[in-house]
Structure formats: structure tokens, C-alpha cells
Protein backbone atom coordinates (compact mmCIF):
# COMPACT_ATOMS: atom_id res chain seq x y z
CA MET A 1 -15.47 -32.86 -20.73
CA LEU A 2 -14.08 -30.75 -17.88
CA ASN A 3 -10.47 -29.62 -17.90
CA ASP A 4 -9.03 -29.70 -14.57
CA ASP A 5 -6.21 -27.11 -15.24
CA LYS A 6 -8.78 -24.53 -16.44
CA ILE A 7 -11.02 -25.00 -13.47
CA ARG A 8 -8.07 -24.70 -11.31
CA LEU A 9 -6.90 -21.40 -13.06
CA MET A 10 -10.43 -20.06 -12.93
CA ASN A 11 -10.78 -20.89 -9.21
CA GLU A 12 -7.33 -19.04 -8.69
CA ILE A 13 -8.56 -16.04 -10.57
CA ALA A 14 -11.90 -15.86 -8.67
CA LEU A 15 -10.06 -16.21 -5.25
CA PHE A 16 -7.61 -13.39 -6.10
CA GLU A 17 -10.35 -11.09 -7.17
CA LYS A 18 -12.39 -11.85 -4.08
CA LYS A 19 -9.56 -11.57 -1.44
CA GLU A 20 -6.63 -9.96 -2.95
CA ARG A 21 -8.33 -7.17 -4.99
CA LYS A 22 -8.37 -4.62 -2.18
CA ARG A 23 -4.63 -4.96 -1.59
CA GLU A 24 -3.76 -4.87 -5.31
CA ARG A 25 -5.87 -1.80 -6.05
CA PRO A 26 -3.39 0.84 -5.24
CA ALA A 27 -1.28 -0.53 -8.11
CA GLU A 28 -3.98 0.13 -10.50
CA VAL A 29 -5.20 3.58 -9.16
CA PHE A 30 -1.99 5.29 -8.29
CA PHE A 31 1.41 5.84 -9.58
CA ARG A 32 4.09 4.65 -7.00
CA ARG A 33 5.08 8.37 -6.13
CA ASP A 34 1.50 9.39 -5.57
CA TYR A 35 0.77 6.26 -3.50
CA VAL A 36 3.89 6.82 -1.35
CA ALA A 37 3.26 10.75 -1.09
CA LYS A 38 -0.32 10.12 0.04
CA HIS A 39 0.90 7.81 2.89
CA MET A 40 3.61 10.28 3.92
CA LEU A 41 1.00 12.96 4.23
CA GLN A 42 -1.05 10.73 6.49
CA SER A 43 1.96 9.74 8.60
CA PHE A 44 2.89 13.50 8.90
CA PHE A 45 -0.43 14.15 10.27
CA ALA A 46 -0.46 11.11 12.53
CA TRP A 47 3.08 11.98 13.76
CA THR A 48 2.15 15.61 14.46
CA LEU A 49 -1.03 14.71 16.31
CA SER A 50 0.72 12.11 18.34
CA TYR A 51 3.64 14.47 19.27
CA GLY A 52 1.37 17.21 20.01
CA LEU A 53 -0.47 15.08 22.60
CA LEU A 54 2.83 13.61 24.01
CA LEU A 55 4.15 17.14 24.26
CA GLY A 56 1.01 18.26 26.04
CA VAL A 57 1.44 15.52 28.75
CA VAL A 58 5.15 16.36 29.18
CA MET A 59 4.31 19.98 29.39
CA LEU A 60 1.83 19.39 32.20
CA TYR A 61 4.48 17.27 33.85
CA ILE A 62 7.31 19.81 33.77
CA LEU A 63 5.04 22.90 33.93
CA GLU A 64 5.72 23.65 37.61
CA ARG A 65 9.53 23.53 37.10
CA ILE A 66 9.19 26.03 34.22
CA LEU A 67 6.96 28.30 36.09
CA ASN A 68 9.10 28.33 39.22
CA THR A 69 12.22 29.34 37.43
CA VAL A 70 10.67 31.71 34.84
CA ASP A 71 14.01 31.91 33.10
CA VAL A 72 13.67 32.88 29.38
CA MET A 73 16.68 30.90 28.50
CA GLU A 74 15.44 27.75 30.02
CA VAL A 75 12.06 28.04 28.13
CA VAL A 76 13.97 28.64 24.91
CA LYS A 77 16.15 25.45 25.69
CA TYR A 78 12.98 23.24 26.32
CA ALA A 79 11.30 24.76 23.20
CA ARG A 80 14.56 24.07 20.93
CA THR A 81 14.81 20.62 22.38
CA GLY A 82 11.14 19.80 21.71
CA ILE A 83 11.40 21.06 18.10
CA LEU A 84 14.52 18.99 17.50
CA ILE A 85 12.79 16.03 18.91
CA TYR A 86 9.80 16.54 16.64
CA LEU A 87 11.81 17.06 13.57
CA ALA A 88 14.08 13.96 14.23
CA GLY A 89 11.06 11.82 14.99
CA LEU A 90 9.29 13.08 11.88
CA ALA A 91 12.35 12.26 9.77
CA VAL A 92 12.52 8.67 11.13
CA PHE A 93 8.64 8.32 10.88
CA GLU A 94 8.67 9.46 7.10
CA ILE A 95 11.69 7.35 6.15
CA ILE A 96 9.80 4.25 7.58
CA THR A 97 6.70 5.20 5.81
CA VAL A 98 8.59 5.50 2.52
CA ILE A 99 10.11 2.07 2.92
CA VAL A 100 6.92 0.18 4.05
CA TYR A 101 4.73 1.70 1.38
CA ARG A 102 7.27 1.24 -1.52
CA ARG A 103 7.45 -2.33 -0.60
CA ARG A 104 3.54 -2.59 -0.23
CA TYR A 105 3.21 -0.90 -3.84
CA ALA A 106 5.81 -3.34 -5.31
CA ALA A 107 3.94 -6.39 -3.84
CA ALA A 108 0.61 -5.15 -5.33
CA VAL A 109 2.15 -4.54 -8.77
CA GLU A 110 3.66 -8.05 -8.57
CA LYS A 111 0.43 -9.46 -7.57
CA ARG A 112 -1.38 -7.65 -10.32
CA GLU A 113 1.05 -8.88 -12.90
CA ILE A 114 0.53 -12.54 -11.77
CA HIS A 115 -3.36 -12.00 -11.92
CA TYR A 116 -3.08 -10.47 -15.55
CA THR A 117 -0.73 -13.51 -16.48
CA LYS A 118 -3.51 -15.95 -15.23
CA LEU A 119 -6.16 -14.07 -17.18
CA ASN A 120 -4.11 -14.18 -20.37
CA ARG A 121 -3.52 -17.81 -19.80
CA LEU A 122 -7.22 -18.37 -19.49
CA LYS A 123 -8.09 -16.30 -22.40
CA LYS A 124 -5.68 -18.32 -24.66
CA ARG A 125 -7.16 -21.38 -23.52
CA TYR A 126 -10.76 -20.17 -24.55
CA GLU A 127 -9.24 -19.03 -27.87
CA ILE A 128 -7.69 -22.44 -28.60
CA ARG A 129 -10.98 -24.03 -27.61
CA ASP A 130 -12.83 -21.78 -29.99
CA ARG A 131 -10.34 -22.36 -32.86
CA ILE A 132 -10.58 -26.13 -32.43
CA ARG A 133 -14.43 -25.89 -32.52
CA ASP A 134 -14.43 -23.79 -35.56
CA LEU A 135 -11.96 -26.21 -37.28
CA GLY A 136 -14.36 -29.02 -36.50
CA LYS A 137 -17.28 -27.26 -37.90
CA GLU A 138 -15.25 -26.38 -41.06
CA GLY A 139 -14.24 -30.00 -41.35
CA GLY A 140 -17.83 -31.26 -41.13
CA ARG A 141 -18.91 -28.93 -43.77
CA ASN A 142 -16.22 -29.62 -46.34
CA ALA A 143 -16.64 -33.38 -46.09
């Protein structure tokens, strides 16, 4: 006889393992701090590359003005402004990265716990079925 609850539970477990396993994997493989640090490092390189490319475009745009004035103080002012913009943007980018990836990690941990709860529930159902089967065999032998 088929048990609808057990079939539904097995189906949910299988669907989770097929679809959600990839998103839940960081909670198994990494500690939260390592997971967030890895993504912070990636975002650092992404921001630096993006800012470098943007700075190159801006430099090409204002290069004529800089070369015409050839004032060291103005060049220093542009450099200081560029560094401040880079550091401020990097700080904002890293804060956003920390917030986003902490939430993703927490969601992965929550999904993993739900998955393990379902696995334990299924295991208990099989244990109960085996106990009932063993009791039935023992009852048949004693009679």
C-alpha cells in the first residue's frame, strides 16, 4: 500500500536536491565568514576593474584640459578626488556585498535545515515501518 505523505515527502526531497542543491551548497562548504570574505574579494576586484575602466574614459575626456594647464596642483587635486571617489565607492560596494551575501548564506542555511528535517522525517518513517514489520514477524513466530 502506498503512503501519500511519504511519497510527497520523497518528491519534495528529490526536487530540492535537483533544483536547490546548488544554492544551498555554500552553507555546507564554507563558514559564513569565509563565504562573505570570498565574495568581498571578488567584489573588490570587480570594483577596481570597473573604476579603472571608468577612470580611463574620464581621463581621456579631461586629458586636454590637464595638458593645457600643466599645473601640478590641479593634477594633484584631480588625483586626490579620484582616490577619494574610488575609496568611497569601494566602501559602499563592499558594504552592499556583505549585506547581500550574509542574507544569501542565511537563506542557504535555512533551506539546508529544512532539507535535513525532511530527511530525518523520512528516515523515521522507514524506521517505524521496519519496526512494525519486525514486530509482525516476531508475532508470527511466537504464535
